[in-house]
Amino acid sequence: SVVLLAVVFLASDPATIDLQNAVQANLGVVFEKADH
């Protein structure tokens, strides 16, 4: 939650945040969801 709140408050446009991947501490960012 601490990381999530930091992302939400530091984002220039919070409306564009993908809540499913807001805390990006995983390898999901390596692969595009639409392509893979």
PDB file of all heavy atoms in Angstrom:
ATOM      1  N   SER A   1       0.824  -1.211   0.000  1.00  0.00           N
ATOM      2  CA  SER A   1       0.000   0.000   0.000  1.00  0.00           C
ATOM      3  C   SER A   1       0.857   1.259   0.000  1.00  0.00           C
ATOM      4  O   SER A   1       0.509   2.258  -0.630  1.00  0.00           O
ATOM      5  CB  SER A   1      -0.933   0.008   1.215  1.00  0.00           C
ATOM      6  OG  SER A   1      -1.894  -1.022   1.126  1.00  0.00           O
ATOM      7  N   VAL A   2       1.979   1.209   0.723  1.00  0.00           N
ATOM      8  CA  VAL A   2       2.886   2.364   0.739  1.00  0.00           C
ATOM      9  C   VAL A   2       3.403   2.635  -0.675  1.00  0.00           C
ATOM     10  O   VAL A   2       3.429   3.784  -1.140  1.00  0.00           O
ATOM     11  CB  VAL A   2       4.056   2.115   1.706  1.00  0.00           C
ATOM     12  CG1 VAL A   2       5.148   3.164   1.509  1.00  0.00           C
ATOM     13  CG2 VAL A   2       3.562   2.138   3.145  1.00  0.00           C
ATOM     14  N   VAL A   3       3.790   1.579  -1.378  1.00  0.00           N
ATOM     15  CA  VAL A   3       4.273   1.742  -2.752  1.00  0.00           C
ATOM     16  C   VAL A   3       3.144   2.229  -3.659  1.00  0.00           C
ATOM     17  O   VAL A   3       3.342   3.122  -4.502  1.00  0.00           O
ATOM     18  CB  VAL A   3       4.851   0.413  -3.285  1.00  0.00           C
ATOM     19  CG1 VAL A   3       5.307   0.567  -4.741  1.00  0.00           C
ATOM     20  CG2 VAL A   3       6.013  -0.043  -2.419  1.00  0.00           C
ATOM     21  N   LEU A   4       1.955   1.650  -3.506  1.00  0.00           N
ATOM     22  CA  LEU A   4       0.816   2.050  -4.336  1.00  0.00           C
ATOM     23  C   LEU A   4       0.471   3.518  -4.136  1.00  0.00           C
ATOM     24  O   LEU A   4       0.246   4.254  -5.115  1.00  0.00           O
ATOM     25  CB  LEU A   4      -0.400   1.180  -3.997  1.00  0.00           C
ATOM     26  CG  LEU A   4      -1.729   1.550  -4.681  1.00  0.00           C
ATOM     27  CD1 LEU A   4      -1.591   1.464  -6.194  1.00  0.00           C
ATOM     28  CD2 LEU A   4      -2.853   0.653  -4.188  1.00  0.00           C
ATOM     29  N   LEU A   5       0.436   3.971  -2.895  1.00  0.00           N
ATOM     30  CA  LEU A   5       0.118   5.371  -2.625  1.00  0.00           C
ATOM     31  C   LEU A   5       1.182   6.303  -3.205  1.00  0.00           C
ATOM     32  O   LEU A   5       0.858   7.385  -3.712  1.00  0.00           O
ATOM     33  CB  LEU A   5      -0.024   5.601  -1.123  1.00  0.00           C
ATOM     34  CG  LEU A   5      -1.264   4.977  -0.464  1.00  0.00           C
ATOM     35  CD1 LEU A   5      -1.221   5.155   1.043  1.00  0.00           C
ATOM     36  CD2 LEU A   5      -2.544   5.578  -1.043  1.00  0.00           C
ATOM     37  N   ALA A   6       2.440   5.879  -3.145  1.00  0.00           N
ATOM     38  CA  ALA A   6       3.510   6.684  -3.732  1.00  0.00           C
ATOM     39  C   ALA A   6       3.307   6.827  -5.241  1.00  0.00           C
ATOM     40  O   ALA A   6       3.446   7.921  -5.802  1.00  0.00           O
ATOM     41  CB  ALA A   6       4.864   6.047  -3.434  1.00  0.00           C
ATOM     42  N   VAL A   7       2.934   5.720  -5.895  1.00  0.00           N
ATOM     43  CA  VAL A   7       2.686   5.758  -7.339  1.00  0.00           C
ATOM     44  C   VAL A   7       1.511   6.667  -7.655  1.00  0.00           C
ATOM     45  O   VAL A   7       1.558   7.494  -8.578  1.00  0.00           O
ATOM     46  CB  VAL A   7       2.423   4.331  -7.873  1.00  0.00           C
ATOM     47  CG1 VAL A   7       1.944   4.379  -9.326  1.00  0.00           C
ATOM     48  CG2 VAL A   7       3.679   3.479  -7.766  1.00  0.00           C
ATOM     49  N   VAL A   8       0.441   6.528  -6.893  1.00  0.00           N
ATOM     50  CA  VAL A   8      -0.784   7.296  -7.150  1.00  0.00           C
ATOM     51  C   VAL A   8      -0.547   8.794  -6.966  1.00  0.00           C
ATOM     52  O   VAL A   8      -1.033   9.612  -7.763  1.00  0.00           O
ATOM     53  CB  VAL A   8      -1.918   6.807  -6.222  1.00  0.00           C
ATOM     54  CG1 VAL A   8      -3.099   7.769  -6.264  1.00  0.00           C
ATOM     55  CG2 VAL A   8      -2.360   5.415  -6.636  1.00  0.00           C
ATOM     56  N   PHE A   9       0.210   9.171  -5.933  1.00  0.00           N
ATOM     57  CA  PHE A   9       0.406  10.599  -5.659  1.00  0.00           C
ATOM     58  C   PHE A   9       1.513  11.221  -6.510  1.00  0.00           C
ATOM     59  O   PHE A   9       1.526  12.438  -6.712  1.00  0.00           O
ATOM     60  CB  PHE A   9       0.708  10.807  -4.171  1.00  0.00           C
ATOM     61  CG  PHE A   9      -0.524  10.843  -3.321  1.00  0.00           C
ATOM     62  CD1 PHE A   9      -0.932   9.708  -2.633  1.00  0.00           C
ATOM     63  CD2 PHE A   9      -1.294  11.985  -3.216  1.00  0.00           C
ATOM     64  CE1 PHE A   9      -2.072   9.723  -1.852  1.00  0.00           C
ATOM     65  CE2 PHE A   9      -2.438  12.015  -2.435  1.00  0.00           C
ATOM     66  CZ  PHE A   9      -2.837  10.877  -1.753  1.00  0.00           C
ATOM     67  N   LEU A  10       2.443  10.392  -6.997  1.00  0.00           N
ATOM     68  CA  LEU A  10       3.532  10.935  -7.808  1.00  0.00           C
ATOM     69  C   LEU A  10       3.215  10.949  -9.301  1.00  0.00           C
ATOM     70  O   LEU A  10       3.909  11.609 -10.069  1.00  0.00           O
ATOM     71  CB  LEU A  10       4.820  10.135  -7.565  1.00  0.00           C
ATOM     72  CG  LEU A  10       5.430  10.251  -6.165  1.00  0.00           C
ATOM     73  CD1 LEU A  10       6.634   9.339  -6.022  1.00  0.00           C
ATOM     74  CD2 LEU A  10       5.814  11.700  -5.863  1.00  0.00           C
ATOM     75  N   ALA A  11       2.187  10.219  -9.706  1.00  0.00           N
ATOM     76  CA  ALA A  11       1.831  10.160 -11.129  1.00  0.00           C
ATOM     77  C   ALA A  11       1.304  11.510 -11.599  1.00  0.00           C
ATOM     78  O   ALA A  11       0.525  12.161 -10.898  1.00  0.00           O
ATOM     79  CB  ALA A  11       0.790   9.073 -11.364  1.00  0.00           C
ATOM     80  N   SER A  12       1.729  11.917 -12.787  1.00  0.00           N
ATOM     81  CA  SER A  12       1.259  13.193 -13.328  1.00  0.00           C
ATOM     82  C   SER A  12      -0.218  13.138 -13.679  1.00  0.00           C
ATOM     83  O   SER A  12      -0.940  14.133 -13.576  1.00  0.00           O
ATOM     84  CB  SER A  12       2.077  13.565 -14.576  1.00  0.00           C
ATOM     85  OG  SER A  12       1.998  12.517 -15.548  1.00  0.00           O
ATOM     86  N   ASP A  13      -0.690  11.966 -14.100  1.00  0.00           N
ATOM     87  CA  ASP A  13      -2.101  11.775 -14.413  1.00  0.00           C
ATOM     88  C   ASP A  13      -2.569  10.467 -13.776  1.00  0.00           C
ATOM     89  O   ASP A  13      -2.470   9.403 -14.381  1.00  0.00           O
ATOM     90  CB  ASP A  13      -2.322  11.742 -15.926  1.00  0.00           C
ATOM     91  CG  ASP A  13      -3.795  11.642 -16.303  1.00  0.00           C
ATOM     92  OD1 ASP A  13      -4.648  11.732 -15.396  1.00  0.00           O
ATOM     93  OD2 ASP A  13      -4.105  11.484 -17.496  1.00  0.00           O
ATOM     94  N   PRO A  14      -3.068  10.516 -12.540  1.00  0.00           N
ATOM     95  CA  PRO A  14      -3.472   9.289 -11.841  1.00  0.00           C
ATOM     96  C   PRO A  14      -4.508   8.467 -12.599  1.00  0.00           C
ATOM     97  O   PRO A  14      -4.574   7.243 -12.424  1.00  0.00           O
ATOM     98  CB  PRO A  14      -4.051   9.824 -10.524  1.00  0.00           C
ATOM     99  CG  PRO A  14      -3.440  11.164 -10.339  1.00  0.00           C
ATOM    100  CD  PRO A  14      -3.264  11.711 -11.720  1.00  0.00           C
ATOM    101  N   ALA A  15      -5.319   9.113 -13.450  1.00  0.00           N
ATOM    102  CA  ALA A  15      -6.372   8.397 -14.174  1.00  0.00           C
ATOM    103  C   ALA A  15      -5.812   7.360 -15.144  1.00  0.00           C
ATOM    104  O   ALA A  15      -6.522   6.434 -15.544  1.00  0.00           O
ATOM    105  CB  ALA A  15      -7.252   9.389 -14.932  1.00  0.00           C
ATOM    106  N   THR A  16      -4.543   7.506 -15.531  1.00  0.00           N
ATOM    107  CA  THR A  16      -3.941   6.567 -16.485  1.00  0.00           C
ATOM    108  C   THR A  16      -3.274   5.376 -15.801  1.00  0.00           C
ATOM    109  O   THR A  16      -2.778   4.479 -16.482  1.00  0.00           O
ATOM    110  CB  THR A  16      -2.886   7.292 -17.340  1.00  0.00           C
ATOM    111  OG1 THR A  16      -1.832   7.777 -16.488  1.00  0.00           O
ATOM    112  CG2 THR A  16      -3.498   8.470 -18.084  1.00  0.00           C
ATOM    113  N   ILE A  17      -3.278   5.338 -14.476  1.00  0.00           N
ATOM    114  CA  ILE A  17      -2.613   4.250 -13.750  1.00  0.00           C
ATOM    115  C   ILE A  17      -3.389   2.955 -13.919  1.00  0.00           C
ATOM    116  O   ILE A  17      -4.608   2.914 -13.744  1.00  0.00           O
ATOM    117  CB  ILE A  17      -2.496   4.588 -12.253  1.00  0.00           C
ATOM    118  CG1 ILE A  17      -1.585   5.806 -12.057  1.00  0.00           C
ATOM    119  CG2 ILE A  17      -1.949   3.399 -11.461  1.00  0.00           C
ATOM    120  CD1 ILE A  17      -1.527   6.284 -10.611  1.00  0.00           C
ATOM    121  N   ASP A  18      -2.672   1.896 -14.274  1.00  0.00           N
ATOM    122  CA  ASP A  18      -3.256   0.559 -14.348  1.00  0.00           C
ATOM    123  C   ASP A  18      -3.128  -0.074 -12.964  1.00  0.00           C
ATOM    124  O   ASP A  18      -2.048  -0.462 -12.541  1.00  0.00           O
ATOM    125  CB  ASP A  18      -2.524  -0.280 -15.401  1.00  0.00           C
ATOM    126  CG  ASP A  18      -3.066  -1.707 -15.491  1.00  0.00           C
ATOM    127  OD1 ASP A  18      -4.091  -2.002 -14.838  1.00  0.00           O
ATOM    128  OD2 ASP A  18      -2.465  -2.518 -16.204  1.00  0.00           O
ATOM    129  N   LEU A  19      -4.235  -0.178 -12.251  1.00  0.00           N
ATOM    130  CA  LEU A  19      -4.180  -0.666 -10.882  1.00  0.00           C
ATOM    131  C   LEU A  19      -3.680  -2.103 -10.787  1.00  0.00           C
ATOM    132  O   LEU A  19      -3.132  -2.510  -9.766  1.00  0.00           O
ATOM    133  CB  LEU A  19      -5.566  -0.561 -10.233  1.00  0.00           C
ATOM    134  CG  LEU A  19      -5.952   0.823  -9.713  1.00  0.00           C
ATOM    135  CD1 LEU A  19      -7.341   0.788  -9.091  1.00  0.00           C
ATOM    136  CD2 LEU A  19      -4.934   1.334  -8.712  1.00  0.00           C
ATOM    137  N   GLN A  20      -3.869  -2.875 -11.859  1.00  0.00           N
ATOM    138  CA  GLN A  20      -3.410  -4.258 -11.831  1.00  0.00           C
ATOM    139  C   GLN A  20      -1.891  -4.356 -11.848  1.00  0.00           C
ATOM    140  O   GLN A  20      -1.316  -5.371 -11.457  1.00  0.00           O
ATOM    141  CB  GLN A  20      -3.984  -5.021 -13.035  1.00  0.00           C
ATOM    142  CG  GLN A  20      -5.501  -5.114 -13.033  1.00  0.00           C
ATOM    143  CD  GLN A  20      -6.029  -5.889 -11.851  1.00  0.00           C
ATOM    144  OE1 GLN A  20      -5.469  -6.922 -11.482  1.00  0.00           O
ATOM    145  NE2 GLN A  20      -7.099  -5.414 -11.233  1.00  0.00           N
ATOM    146  N   ASN A  21      -1.237  -3.295 -12.321  1.00  0.00           N
ATOM    147  CA  ASN A  21       0.232  -3.299 -12.416  1.00  0.00           C
ATOM    148  C   ASN A  21       0.830  -2.016 -11.848  1.00  0.00           C
ATOM    149  O   ASN A  21       1.889  -1.580 -12.291  1.00  0.00           O
ATOM    150  CB  ASN A  21       0.669  -3.467 -13.882  1.00  0.00           C
ATOM    151  CG  ASN A  21       0.276  -4.814 -14.452  1.00  0.00           C
ATOM    152  OD1 ASN A  21       0.845  -5.838 -14.101  1.00  0.00           O
ATOM    153  ND2 ASN A  21      -0.718  -4.819 -15.324  1.00  0.00           N
ATOM    154  N   ALA A  22       0.139  -1.421 -10.896  1.00  0.00           N
ATOM    155  CA  ALA A  22       0.629  -0.166 -10.328  1.00  0.00           C
ATOM    156  C   ALA A  22       1.913  -0.383  -9.544  1.00  0.00           C
ATOM    157  O   ALA A  22       2.851   0.418  -9.619  1.00  0.00           O
ATOM    158  CB  ALA A  22      -0.446   0.452  -9.439  1.00  0.00           C
ATOM    159  N   VAL A  23       1.975  -1.472  -8.777  1.00  0.00           N
ATOM    160  CA  VAL A  23       3.185  -1.803  -8.013  1.00  0.00           C
ATOM    161  C   VAL A  23       4.022  -2.745  -8.875  1.00  0.00           C
ATOM    162  O   VAL A  23       3.876  -3.956  -8.828  1.00  0.00           O
ATOM    163  CB  VAL A  23       2.827  -2.463  -6.667  1.00  0.00           C
ATOM    164  CG1 VAL A  23       4.095  -2.751  -5.862  1.00  0.00           C
ATOM    165  CG2 VAL A  23       1.868  -1.587  -5.876  1.00  0.00           C
ATOM    166  N   GLN A  24       4.882  -2.177  -9.706  1.00  0.00           N
ATOM    167  CA  GLN A  24       5.607  -2.961 -10.699  1.00  0.00           C
ATOM    168  C   GLN A  24       6.888  -3.550 -10.118  1.00  0.00           C
ATOM    169  O   GLN A  24       8.000  -3.113 -10.405  1.00  0.00           O
ATOM    170  CB  GLN A  24       5.891  -2.098 -11.930  1.00  0.00           C
ATOM    171  CG  GLN A  24       4.625  -1.659 -12.648  1.00  0.00           C
ATOM    172  CD  GLN A  24       4.919  -0.902 -13.923  1.00  0.00           C
ATOM    173  OE1 GLN A  24       6.063  -0.579 -14.235  1.00  0.00           O
ATOM    174  NE2 GLN A  24       3.884  -0.613 -14.688  1.00  0.00           N
ATOM    175  N   ALA A  25       6.707  -4.580  -9.291  1.00  0.00           N
ATOM    176  CA  ALA A  25       7.842  -5.295  -8.717  1.00  0.00           C
ATOM    177  C   ALA A  25       7.873  -6.707  -9.267  1.00  0.00           C
ATOM    178  O   ALA A  25       8.257  -7.649  -8.576  1.00  0.00           O
ATOM    179  CB  ALA A  25       7.736  -5.314  -7.200  1.00  0.00           C
ATOM    180  N   ASN A  26       7.460  -6.860 -10.527  1.00  0.00           N
ATOM    181  CA  ASN A  26       7.392  -8.180 -11.135  1.00  0.00           C
ATOM    182  C   ASN A  26       7.892  -8.121 -12.573  1.00  0.00           C
ATOM    183  O   ASN A  26       8.235  -7.047 -13.084  1.00  0.00           O
ATOM    184  CB  ASN A  26       5.959  -8.718 -11.090  1.00  0.00           C
ATOM    185  CG  ASN A  26       4.969  -7.769 -11.767  1.00  0.00           C
ATOM    186  OD1 ASN A  26       4.986  -7.596 -12.971  1.00  0.00           O
ATOM    187  ND2 ASN A  26       4.102  -7.144 -10.977  1.00  0.00           N
ATOM    188  N   LEU A  27       7.911  -9.288 -13.235  1.00  0.00           N
ATOM    189  CA  LEU A  27       8.410  -9.369 -14.617  1.00  0.00           C
ATOM    190  C   LEU A  27       7.321  -9.154 -15.659  1.00  0.00           C
ATOM    191  O   LEU A  27       7.573  -9.287 -16.852  1.00  0.00           O
ATOM    192  CB  LEU A  27       9.065 -10.737 -14.841  1.00  0.00           C
ATOM    193  CG  LEU A  27      10.320 -11.026 -14.004  1.00  0.00           C
ATOM    194  CD1 LEU A  27      10.859 -12.417 -14.334  1.00  0.00           C
ATOM    195  CD2 LEU A  27      11.385  -9.970 -14.269  1.00  0.00           C
ATOM    196  N   GLY A  28       6.111  -8.820 -15.202  1.00  0.00           N
ATOM    197  CA  GLY A  28       5.039  -8.581 -16.158  1.00  0.00           C
ATOM    198  C   GLY A  28       5.314  -7.411 -17.081  1.00  0.00           C
ATOM    199  O   GLY A  28       4.817  -7.372 -18.207  1.00  0.00           O
ATOM    200  N   VAL A  29       6.128  -6.456 -16.617  1.00  0.00           N
ATOM    201  CA  VAL A  29       6.430  -5.271 -17.427  1.00  0.00           C
ATOM    202  C   VAL A  29       7.291  -5.623 -18.632  1.00  0.00           C
ATOM    203  O   VAL A  29       7.408  -4.826 -19.571  1.00  0.00           O
ATOM    204  CB  VAL A  29       7.135  -4.200 -16.569  1.00  0.00           C
ATOM    205  CG1 VAL A  29       6.212  -3.696 -15.477  1.00  0.00           C
ATOM    206  CG2 VAL A  29       8.419  -4.751 -15.958  1.00  0.00           C
ATOM    207  N   VAL A  30       7.907  -6.791 -18.626  1.00  0.00           N
ATOM    208  CA  VAL A  30       8.782  -7.189 -19.732  1.00  0.00           C
ATOM    209  C   VAL A  30       7.966  -7.555 -20.967  1.00  0.00           C
ATOM    210  O   VAL A  30       8.415  -7.369 -22.108  1.00  0.00           O
ATOM    211  CB  VAL A  30       9.672  -8.382 -19.314  1.00  0.00           C
ATOM    212  CG1 VAL A  30      10.530  -8.857 -20.477  1.00  0.00           C
ATOM    213  CG2 VAL A  30      10.529  -8.004 -18.121  1.00  0.00           C
ATOM    214  N   PHE A  31       6.740  -8.039 -20.771  1.00  0.00           N
ATOM    215  CA  PHE A  31       5.919  -8.515 -21.884  1.00  0.00           C
ATOM    216  C   PHE A  31       4.673  -7.645 -22.043  1.00  0.00           C
ATOM    217  O   PHE A  31       3.994  -7.346 -21.061  1.00  0.00           O
ATOM    218  CB  PHE A  31       5.493  -9.971 -21.644  1.00  0.00           C
ATOM    219  CG  PHE A  31       6.631 -10.912 -21.366  1.00  0.00           C
ATOM    220  CD1 PHE A  31       6.918 -11.302 -20.071  1.00  0.00           C
ATOM    221  CD2 PHE A  31       7.428 -11.378 -22.404  1.00  0.00           C
ATOM    222  CE1 PHE A  31       7.968 -12.157 -19.804  1.00  0.00           C
ATOM    223  CE2 PHE A  31       8.487 -12.234 -22.142  1.00  0.00           C
ATOM    224  CZ  PHE A  31       8.764 -12.627 -20.840  1.00  0.00           C
ATOM    225  N   GLU A  32       4.393  -7.263 -23.284  1.00  0.00           N
ATOM    226  CA  GLU A  32       3.174  -6.518 -23.574  1.00  0.00           C
ATOM    227  C   GLU A  32       1.976  -7.450 -23.420  1.00  0.00           C
ATOM    228  O   GLU A  32       1.946  -8.533 -23.987  1.00  0.00           O
ATOM    229  CB  GLU A  32       3.210  -5.942 -24.994  1.00  0.00           C
ATOM    230  CG  GLU A  32       4.149  -4.765 -25.170  1.00  0.00           C
ATOM    231  CD  GLU A  32       3.649  -3.524 -24.444  1.00  0.00           C
ATOM    232  OE1 GLU A  32       2.424  -3.452 -24.178  1.00  0.00           O
ATOM    233  OE2 GLU A  32       4.477  -2.666 -24.116  1.00  0.00           O
ATOM    234  N   LYS A  33       0.979  -6.990 -22.669  1.00  0.00           N
ATOM    235  CA  LYS A  33      -0.183  -7.836 -22.404  1.00  0.00           C
ATOM    236  C   LYS A  33      -0.938  -8.185 -23.677  1.00  0.00           C
ATOM    237  O   LYS A  33      -1.412  -9.305 -23.857  1.00  0.00           O
ATOM    238  CB  LYS A  33      -1.113  -7.132 -21.413  1.00  0.00           C
ATOM    239  CG  LYS A  33      -2.287  -7.981 -20.963  1.00  0.00           C
ATOM    240  CD  LYS A  33      -3.101  -7.273 -19.905  1.00  0.00           C
ATOM    241  CE  LYS A  33      -4.248  -8.138 -19.427  1.00  0.00           C
ATOM    242  NZ  LYS A  33      -5.049  -7.456 -18.365  1.00  0.00           N
ATOM    243  N   ALA A  34      -1.043  -7.211 -24.593  1.00  0.00           N
ATOM    244  CA  ALA A  34      -1.795  -7.443 -25.827  1.00  0.00           C
ATOM    245  C   ALA A  34      -1.097  -8.447 -26.740  1.00  0.00           C
ATOM    246  O   ALA A  34      -1.756  -9.254 -27.409  1.00  0.00           O
ATOM    247  CB  ALA A  34      -2.009  -6.119 -26.561  1.00  0.00           C
ATOM    248  N   ASP A  35       0.241  -8.419 -26.780  1.00  0.00           N
ATOM    249  CA  ASP A  35       0.994  -9.294 -27.685  1.00  0.00           C
ATOM    250  C   ASP A  35       1.310 -10.652 -27.064  1.00  0.00           C
ATOM    251  O   ASP A  35       1.343 -11.665 -27.757  1.00  0.00           O
ATOM    252  CB  ASP A  35       2.307  -8.601 -28.091  1.00  0.00           C
ATOM    253  CG  ASP A  35       2.051  -7.306 -28.836  1.00  0.00           C
ATOM    254  OD1 ASP A  35       1.017  -7.204 -29.507  1.00  0.00           O
ATOM    255  OD2 ASP A  35       2.895  -6.390 -28.719  1.00  0.00           O
ATOM    256  N   HIS A  36       1.563 -10.675 -25.765  1.00  0.00           N
ATOM    257  CA  HIS A  36       1.951 -11.928 -25.091  1.00  0.00           C
ATOM    258  C   HIS A  36       1.148 -12.080 -23.795  1.00  0.00           C
ATOM    259  O   HIS A  36       1.711 -11.932 -22.693  1.00  0.00           O
ATOM    260  CB  HIS A  36       3.446 -11.934 -24.787  1.00  0.00           C
ATOM    261  CG  HIS A  36       4.310 -11.656 -25.984  1.00  0.00           C
ATOM    262  ND1 HIS A  36       4.544 -12.594 -26.965  1.00  0.00           N
ATOM    263  CD2 HIS A  36       4.992 -10.529 -26.349  1.00  0.00           C
ATOM    264  CE1 HIS A  36       5.343 -12.077 -27.885  1.00  0.00           C
ATOM    265  NE2 HIS A  36       5.623 -10.826 -27.535  1.00  0.00           N
TER     266      HIS A  36
END
